Amino acid sequence: MIKSKSWDWSKNKSNDWLVPSIEACYLSESWKSKSFNKFLDLGCGLGRHSIYFAKKGFEVNSLDLSEYGVNHLKRWAAEEQVDIAVDICDMLKLPFKNDSFDCIMAYNVIYHSDTDGFIKSLDEIKRVLKSGGELFITLISKDTWSYQRADNYKRIDNNTLLRDEHDTERDVPHFYVDIEDIKKYFIDFEFVSLPIEQTEYNMDNTEYFSKHFNLIVRKN
């Protein structure tokens, strides 16, 4: 299993990572309607989703491997006067008891590992998620240009490459999936919505596109 490596958030130049994703708006309303309250932002980055869910009234725990990201979120939470429990943590070993959370968000997070690390992280998520609780997760697709041009990168295993085109995630592993992989790895979950594959283009060069699957699953 490859050692976990955090993003270098000190090199981030985009404000996009400070704005909640579109999915966060839907999830907060859906989860509140189900009386979910205890929320884990796994791989919180700079904290955009943690702040959003805290303002929506959730009890928020936030974890990230990046000390820079964790410190940024702590300062931001103090400025916004919201109470968030924030810790530095490796996703391979979560510091919570079994069945701790109603809902978990892992946005562009647990695919930053190799195959063994992905499986371990997903097992940890399943362990700390309550029965009937829900997980929103994004996974990077094998249809993404980087996987299709895998010869340009160092391969860790059949599903994992080390990428180096962005300073924030230099030499961070990327684990790729297709629909068959999703069905295999999420066999112990119920699909709340079918996986949706979304494409994002680099508008300066549309050859360089990424594709991610968005999933909402429920622990049986």
C-alpha atoms as a PDB file:
ATOM      1  CA  MET A   1       0.000   0.000   0.000  1.00  0.00           C
ATOM      2  CA  ILE A   2       1.424   3.376  -1.019  1.00  0.00           C
ATOM      3  CA  LYS A   3       2.052   5.986   1.671  1.00  0.00           C
ATOM      4  CA  SER A   4      -0.601   8.734   1.739  1.00  0.00           C
ATOM      5  CA  LYS A   5       0.487  12.130   0.386  1.00  0.00           C
ATOM      6  CA  SER A   6      -1.419  15.364   0.922  1.00  0.00           C
ATOM      7  CA  TRP A   7      -2.087  18.111  -1.562  1.00  0.00           C
ATOM      8  CA  ASP A   8       0.233  21.090  -1.235  1.00  0.00           C
ATOM      9  CA  TRP A   9      -2.457  23.699  -0.649  1.00  0.00           C
ATOM     10  CA  SER A  10       0.157  26.440  -0.264  1.00  0.00           C
ATOM     11  CA  LYS A  11       0.569  26.302  -4.058  1.00  0.00           C
ATOM     12  CA  ASN A  12      -3.136  26.587  -4.812  1.00  0.00           C
ATOM     13  CA  LYS A  13      -3.992  29.567  -7.047  1.00  0.00           C
ATOM     14  CA  SER A  14      -7.708  28.945  -7.587  1.00  0.00           C
ATOM     15  CA  ASN A  15     -10.554  30.383  -5.524  1.00  0.00           C
ATOM     16  CA  ASP A  16     -12.778  27.543  -6.758  1.00  0.00           C
ATOM     17  CA  TRP A  17     -11.685  25.509  -3.740  1.00  0.00           C
ATOM     18  CA  LEU A  18     -13.257  28.098  -1.430  1.00  0.00           C
ATOM     19  CA  VAL A  19     -16.737  27.790  -2.986  1.00  0.00           C
ATOM     20  CA  PRO A  20     -19.000  24.826  -2.078  1.00  0.00           C
ATOM     21  CA  SER A  21     -19.695  22.410  -4.913  1.00  0.00           C
ATOM     22  CA  ILE A  22     -23.147  22.340  -6.485  1.00  0.00           C
ATOM     23  CA  GLU A  23     -23.735  18.940  -4.907  1.00  0.00           C
ATOM     24  CA  ALA A  24     -23.300  20.363  -1.397  1.00  0.00           C
ATOM     25  CA  CYS A  25     -26.484  22.405  -1.776  1.00  0.00           C
ATOM     26  CA  TYR A  26     -28.559  19.351  -2.655  1.00  0.00           C
ATOM     27  CA  LEU A  27     -26.934  17.131  -0.049  1.00  0.00           C
ATOM     28  CA  SER A  28     -27.489  19.530   2.827  1.00  0.00           C
ATOM     29  CA  GLU A  29     -31.206  19.780   2.058  1.00  0.00           C
ATOM     30  CA  SER A  30     -31.605  16.051   1.407  1.00  0.00           C
ATOM     31  CA  TRP A  31     -29.758  15.051   4.565  1.00  0.00           C
ATOM     32  CA  LYS A  32     -31.595  17.535   6.757  1.00  0.00           C
ATOM     33  CA  SER A  33     -34.904  16.157   5.450  1.00  0.00           C
ATOM     34  CA  LYS A  34     -33.762  12.744   6.725  1.00  0.00           C
ATOM     35  CA  SER A  35     -32.857  14.196  10.143  1.00  0.00           C
ATOM     36  CA  PHE A  36     -29.139  13.582   9.573  1.00  0.00           C
ATOM     37  CA  ASN A  37     -26.970  15.755  11.787  1.00  0.00           C
ATOM     38  CA  LYS A  38     -23.493  14.322  12.373  1.00  0.00           C
ATOM     39  CA  PHE A  39     -21.479  15.135   9.247  1.00  0.00           C
ATOM     40  CA  LEU A  40     -17.903  14.168   8.325  1.00  0.00           C
ATOM     41  CA  ASP A  41     -16.015  16.176   5.720  1.00  0.00           C
ATOM     42  CA  LEU A  42     -13.332  13.662   4.789  1.00  0.00           C
ATOM     43  CA  GLY A  43     -10.436  15.322   3.012  1.00  0.00           C
ATOM     44  CA  CYS A  44     -11.762  18.783   3.789  1.00  0.00           C
ATOM     45  CA  GLY A  45      -9.006  20.669   1.952  1.00  0.00           C
ATOM     46  CA  LEU A  46      -9.353  24.382   2.675  1.00  0.00           C
ATOM     47  CA  GLY A  47     -12.744  23.789   4.279  1.00  0.00           C
ATOM     48  CA  ARG A  48     -15.390  24.970   1.823  1.00  0.00           C
ATOM     49  CA  HIS A  49     -17.844  22.146   2.571  1.00  0.00           C
ATOM     50  CA  SER A  50     -17.167  22.140   6.306  1.00  0.00           C
ATOM     51  CA  ILE A  51     -18.081  25.815   6.565  1.00  0.00           C
ATOM     52  CA  TYR A  52     -21.154  25.348   4.385  1.00  0.00           C
ATOM     53  CA  PHE A  53     -22.541  22.416   6.373  1.00  0.00           C
ATOM     54  CA  ALA A  54     -21.770  24.065   9.708  1.00  0.00           C
ATOM     55  CA  LYS A  55     -23.763  27.110   8.621  1.00  0.00           C
ATOM     56  CA  LYS A  56     -26.613  24.782   7.669  1.00  0.00           C
ATOM     57  CA  GLY A  57     -26.738  23.512  11.241  1.00  0.00           C
ATOM     58  CA  PHE A  58     -24.870  20.218  10.968  1.00  0.00           C
ATOM     59  CA  GLU A  59     -22.490  18.965  13.654  1.00  0.00           C
ATOM     60  CA  VAL A  60     -19.295  18.941  11.604  1.00  0.00           C
ATOM     61  CA  ASN A  61     -16.063  16.976  11.904  1.00  0.00           C
ATOM     62  CA  SER A  62     -13.372  17.708   9.348  1.00  0.00           C
ATOM     63  CA  LEU A  63     -10.226  15.761   8.496  1.00  0.00           C
ATOM     64  CA  ASP A  64      -7.349  16.303   6.108  1.00  0.00           C
ATOM     65  CA  LEU A  65      -3.760  15.148   5.793  1.00  0.00           C
ATOM     66  CA  SER A  66      -2.627  18.686   4.926  1.00  0.00           C
ATOM     67  CA  GLU A  67      -1.570  20.801   7.901  1.00  0.00           C
ATOM     68  CA  TYR A  68      -1.895  23.894   5.700  1.00  0.00           C
ATOM     69  CA  GLY A  69      -5.506  23.009   4.826  1.00  0.00           C
ATOM     70  CA  VAL A  70      -6.449  22.206   8.414  1.00  0.00           C
ATOM     71  CA  ASN A  71      -4.993  25.484   9.704  1.00  0.00           C
ATOM     72  CA  HIS A  72      -6.782  27.409   6.967  1.00  0.00           C
ATOM     73  CA  LEU A  73     -10.103  25.869   7.983  1.00  0.00           C
ATOM     74  CA  LYS A  74      -9.522  26.596  11.670  1.00  0.00           C
ATOM     75  CA  ARG A  75      -8.935  30.294  10.889  1.00  0.00           C
ATOM     76  CA  TRP A  76     -11.936  30.408   8.548  1.00  0.00           C
ATOM     77  CA  ALA A  77     -14.229  28.749  11.097  1.00  0.00           C
ATOM     78  CA  ALA A  78     -13.143  31.278  13.737  1.00  0.00           C
ATOM     79  CA  GLU A  79     -13.891  34.155  11.348  1.00  0.00           C
ATOM     80  CA  GLU A  80     -17.329  32.714  10.538  1.00  0.00           C
ATOM     81  CA  GLN A  81     -17.953  31.916  14.220  1.00  0.00           C
ATOM     82  CA  VAL A  82     -18.940  28.306  13.536  1.00  0.00           C
ATOM     83  CA  ASP A  83     -17.962  25.325  15.653  1.00  0.00           C
ATOM     84  CA  ILE A  84     -16.094  22.659  13.655  1.00  0.00           C
ATOM     85  CA  ALA A  85     -13.913  19.856  15.027  1.00  0.00           C
ATOM     86  CA  VAL A  86     -10.854  19.852  12.759  1.00  0.00           C
ATOM     87  CA  ASP A  87      -7.944  17.409  12.797  1.00  0.00           C
ATOM     88  CA  ILE A  88      -4.981  16.291  10.703  1.00  0.00           C
ATOM     89  CA  CYS A  89      -5.586  12.669   9.794  1.00  0.00           C
ATOM     90  CA  ASP A  90      -4.726   9.973   7.281  1.00  0.00           C
ATOM     91  CA  MET A  91      -7.861   8.592   5.612  1.00  0.00           C
ATOM     92  CA  LEU A  92      -6.464   5.080   6.055  1.00  0.00           C
ATOM     93  CA  LYS A  93      -7.195   5.191   9.789  1.00  0.00           C
ATOM     94  CA  LEU A  94     -10.056   7.382  10.965  1.00  0.00           C
ATOM     95  CA  PRO A  95     -10.039   8.433  14.650  1.00  0.00           C
ATOM     96  CA  PHE A  96     -13.711   7.689  15.308  1.00  0.00           C
ATOM     97  CA  LYS A  97     -15.776   4.919  16.832  1.00  0.00           C
ATOM     98  CA  ASN A  98     -17.918   2.645  14.719  1.00  0.00           C
ATOM     99  CA  ASP A  99     -21.237   4.129  13.534  1.00  0.00           C
ATOM    100  CA  SER A 100     -20.300   7.725  14.360  1.00  0.00           C
ATOM    101  CA  PHE A 101     -21.770   9.668  11.429  1.00  0.00           C
ATOM    102  CA  ASP A 102     -25.108  10.119   9.700  1.00  0.00           C
ATOM    103  CA  CYS A 103     -23.528  11.406   6.506  1.00  0.00           C
ATOM    104  CA  ILE A 104     -20.073  11.699   4.971  1.00  0.00           C
ATOM    105  CA  MET A 105     -18.738  13.711   2.058  1.00  0.00           C
ATOM    106  CA  ALA A 106     -15.514  12.620   0.344  1.00  0.00           C
ATOM    107  CA  TYR A 107     -15.047  15.050  -2.530  1.00  0.00           C
ATOM    108  CA  ASN A 108     -12.011  14.243  -4.719  1.00  0.00           C
ATOM    109  CA  VAL A 109     -10.399  12.424  -1.801  1.00  0.00           C
ATOM    110  CA  ILE A 110     -10.090   8.681  -1.458  1.00  0.00           C
ATOM    111  CA  TYR A 111      -9.019   8.080  -5.045  1.00  0.00           C
ATOM    112  CA  HIS A 112      -5.737   9.719  -4.031  1.00  0.00           C
ATOM    113  CA  SER A 113      -4.288   6.338  -3.140  1.00  0.00           C
ATOM    114  CA  ASP A 114      -3.502   3.030  -4.788  1.00  0.00           C
ATOM    115  CA  THR A 115      -5.949   0.141  -5.025  1.00  0.00           C
ATOM    116  CA  ASP A 116      -5.160  -1.229  -1.563  1.00  0.00           C
ATOM    117  CA  GLY A 117      -5.376   2.241  -0.045  1.00  0.00           C
ATOM    118  CA  PHE A 118      -8.707   2.931  -1.713  1.00  0.00           C
ATOM    119  CA  ILE A 119     -10.162  -0.308  -0.362  1.00  0.00           C
ATOM    120  CA  LYS A 120      -8.821   0.443   3.128  1.00  0.00           C
ATOM    121  CA  SER A 121     -10.214   3.993   3.095  1.00  0.00           C
ATOM    122  CA  LEU A 122     -13.615   2.804   1.907  1.00  0.00           C
ATOM    123  CA  ASP A 123     -13.647   0.201   4.678  1.00  0.00           C
ATOM    124  CA  GLU A 124     -12.912   2.957   7.208  1.00  0.00           C
ATOM    125  CA  ILE A 125     -15.750   5.068   5.823  1.00  0.00           C
ATOM    126  CA  LYS A 126     -18.110   2.109   6.073  1.00  0.00           C
ATOM    127  CA  ARG A 127     -16.986   1.488   9.654  1.00  0.00           C
ATOM    128  CA  VAL A 128     -17.667   5.023  10.923  1.00  0.00           C
ATOM    129  CA  LEU A 129     -20.895   5.531   8.933  1.00  0.00           C
ATOM    130  CA  LYS A 130     -24.099   4.602  10.732  1.00  0.00           C
ATOM    131  CA  SER A 131     -26.403   1.937   9.342  1.00  0.00           C
ATOM    132  CA  GLY A 132     -28.769   3.785   7.013  1.00  0.00           C
ATOM    133  CA  GLY A 133     -26.298   6.662   6.754  1.00  0.00           C
ATOM    134  CA  GLU A 134     -25.259   8.079   3.399  1.00  0.00           C
ATOM    135  CA  LEU A 135     -21.965   8.796   1.637  1.00  0.00           C
ATOM    136  CA  PHE A 136     -21.385  11.219  -1.205  1.00  0.00           C
ATOM    137  CA  ILE A 137     -18.163  10.394  -3.016  1.00  0.00           C
ATOM    138  CA  THR A 138     -16.411  11.403  -6.217  1.00  0.00           C
ATOM    139  CA  LEU A 139     -14.225   8.954  -8.124  1.00  0.00           C
ATOM    140  CA  ILE A 140     -11.985   9.583 -11.120  1.00  0.00           C
ATOM    141  CA  SER A 141     -12.936   7.707 -14.282  1.00  0.00           C
ATOM    142  CA  LYS A 142     -10.740   5.512 -16.452  1.00  0.00           C
ATOM    143  CA  ASP A 143     -12.078   7.580 -19.380  1.00  0.00           C
ATOM    144  CA  THR A 144     -10.051  10.562 -18.138  1.00  0.00           C
ATOM    145  CA  TRP A 145      -7.307  11.645 -20.550  1.00  0.00           C
ATOM    146  CA  SER A 146      -4.510  10.899 -18.071  1.00  0.00           C
ATOM    147  CA  TYR A 147      -5.536   7.250 -17.687  1.00  0.00           C
ATOM    148  CA  GLN A 148      -5.955   6.938 -21.446  1.00  0.00           C
ATOM    149  CA  ARG A 149      -2.352   8.206 -21.778  1.00  0.00           C
ATOM    150  CA  ALA A 150      -0.992   6.186 -18.886  1.00  0.00           C
ATOM    151  CA  ASP A 151       2.381   5.692 -20.579  1.00  0.00           C
ATOM    152  CA  ASN A 152       3.160   9.320 -19.695  1.00  0.00           C
ATOM    153  CA  TYR A 153       2.998   8.565 -15.963  1.00  0.00           C
ATOM    154  CA  LYS A 154       4.500   6.242 -13.393  1.00  0.00           C
ATOM    155  CA  ARG A 155       2.122   3.339 -12.834  1.00  0.00           C
ATOM    156  CA  ILE A 156       1.650   2.070  -9.269  1.00  0.00           C
ATOM    157  CA  ASP A 157      -0.803  -0.745 -10.074  1.00  0.00           C
ATOM    158  CA  ASN A 158      -3.349  -1.520 -12.787  1.00  0.00           C
ATOM    159  CA  ASN A 159      -5.687   1.232 -11.589  1.00  0.00           C
ATOM    160  CA  THR A 160      -3.247   3.792 -10.145  1.00  0.00           C
ATOM    161  CA  LEU A 161      -0.924   6.424 -11.607  1.00  0.00           C
ATOM    162  CA  LEU A 162       1.320   9.094 -10.109  1.00  0.00           C
ATOM    163  CA  ARG A 163       0.523  12.442 -11.733  1.00  0.00           C
ATOM    164  CA  ASP A 164       2.671  15.550 -11.766  1.00  0.00           C
ATOM    165  CA  GLU A 165       1.026  18.191 -13.975  1.00  0.00           C
ATOM    166  CA  HIS A 166      -0.182  20.381 -11.078  1.00  0.00           C
ATOM    167  CA  ASP A 167       1.974  21.734  -8.268  1.00  0.00           C
ATOM    168  CA  THR A 168      -0.764  21.190  -5.678  1.00  0.00           C
ATOM    169  CA  GLU A 169      -0.895  17.451  -6.305  1.00  0.00           C
ATOM    170  CA  ARG A 170       2.581  16.604  -7.584  1.00  0.00           C
ATOM    171  CA  ASP A 171       3.311  12.883  -7.172  1.00  0.00           C
ATOM    172  CA  VAL A 172      -0.064  12.310  -5.496  1.00  0.00           C
ATOM    173  CA  PRO A 173      -1.472   8.914  -6.561  1.00  0.00           C
ATOM    174  CA  HIS A 174      -4.684   8.743  -8.595  1.00  0.00           C
ATOM    175  CA  PHE A 175      -6.835   5.606  -8.488  1.00  0.00           C
ATOM    176  CA  TYR A 176      -9.173   5.225 -11.495  1.00  0.00           C
ATOM    177  CA  VAL A 177     -12.436   3.291 -11.835  1.00  0.00           C
ATOM    178  CA  ASP A 178     -15.058   2.287 -14.348  1.00  0.00           C
ATOM    179  CA  ILE A 179     -18.641   1.166 -13.774  1.00  0.00           C
ATOM    180  CA  GLU A 180     -17.623  -2.445 -13.160  1.00  0.00           C
ATOM    181  CA  ASP A 181     -15.147  -1.313 -10.502  1.00  0.00           C
ATOM    182  CA  ILE A 182     -17.841   0.766  -8.811  1.00  0.00           C
ATOM    183  CA  LYS A 183     -20.237  -2.179  -8.717  1.00  0.00           C
ATOM    184  CA  LYS A 184     -17.486  -4.349  -7.208  1.00  0.00           C
ATOM    185  CA  TYR A 185     -16.188  -1.942  -4.562  1.00  0.00           C
ATOM    186  CA  PHE A 186     -19.604  -0.697  -3.439  1.00  0.00           C
ATOM    187  CA  ILE A 187     -21.312  -4.076  -3.232  1.00  0.00           C
ATOM    188  CA  ASP A 188     -22.004  -3.553   0.493  1.00  0.00           C
ATOM    189  CA  PHE A 189     -23.808  -0.246  -0.155  1.00  0.00           C
ATOM    190  CA  GLU A 190     -27.175   0.622  -1.654  1.00  0.00           C
ATOM    191  CA  PHE A 191     -27.105   3.169  -4.473  1.00  0.00           C
ATOM    192  CA  VAL A 192     -29.295   6.143  -3.551  1.00  0.00           C
ATOM    193  CA  SER A 193     -28.685   7.491  -7.044  1.00  0.00           C
ATOM    194  CA  LEU A 194     -26.990   5.837  -9.993  1.00  0.00           C
ATOM    195  CA  PRO A 195     -23.379   6.898 -10.660  1.00  0.00           C
ATOM    196  CA  ILE A 196     -23.188  10.013 -12.824  1.00  0.00           C
ATOM    197  CA  GLU A 197     -20.084  10.567 -14.945  1.00  0.00           C
ATOM    198  CA  GLN A 198     -19.297  14.250 -15.437  1.00  0.00           C
ATOM    199  CA  THR A 199     -16.717  15.718 -17.804  1.00  0.00           C
ATOM    200  CA  GLU A 200     -14.654  18.817 -17.111  1.00  0.00           C
ATOM    201  CA  TYR A 201     -12.586  20.377 -19.871  1.00  0.00           C
ATOM    202  CA  ASN A 202      -9.546  22.604 -19.751  1.00  0.00           C
ATOM    203  CA  MET A 203     -10.959  25.374 -21.925  1.00  0.00           C
ATOM    204  CA  ASP A 204      -7.455  26.403 -23.043  1.00  0.00           C
ATOM    205  CA  ASN A 205      -6.836  22.911 -24.374  1.00  0.00           C
ATOM    206  CA  THR A 206      -9.881  20.653 -24.571  1.00  0.00           C
ATOM    207  CA  GLU A 207      -7.671  17.609 -25.143  1.00  0.00           C
ATOM    208  CA  TYR A 208      -6.984  17.661 -21.405  1.00  0.00           C
ATOM    209  CA  PHE A 209     -10.290  16.663 -19.842  1.00  0.00           C
ATOM    210  CA  SER A 210     -11.160  14.904 -16.620  1.00  0.00           C
ATOM    211  CA  LYS A 211     -14.118  12.672 -15.897  1.00  0.00           C
ATOM    212  CA  HIS A 212     -15.435  11.928 -12.422  1.00  0.00           C
ATOM    213  CA  PHE A 213     -18.212   9.722 -11.129  1.00  0.00           C
ATOM    214  CA  ASN A 214     -20.510  11.193  -8.489  1.00  0.00           C
ATOM    215  CA  LEU A 215     -22.165   8.655  -6.192  1.00  0.00           C
ATOM    216  CA  ILE A 216     -24.591   8.775  -3.306  1.00  0.00           C
ATOM    217  CA  VAL A 217     -24.699   5.455  -1.479  1.00  0.00           C
ATOM    218  CA  ARG A 218     -26.352   4.214   1.707  1.00  0.00           C
ATOM    219  CA  LYS A 219     -24.824   1.831   4.219  1.00  0.00           C
ATOM    220  CA  ASN A 220     -27.011  -1.251   4.581  1.00  0.00           C
END
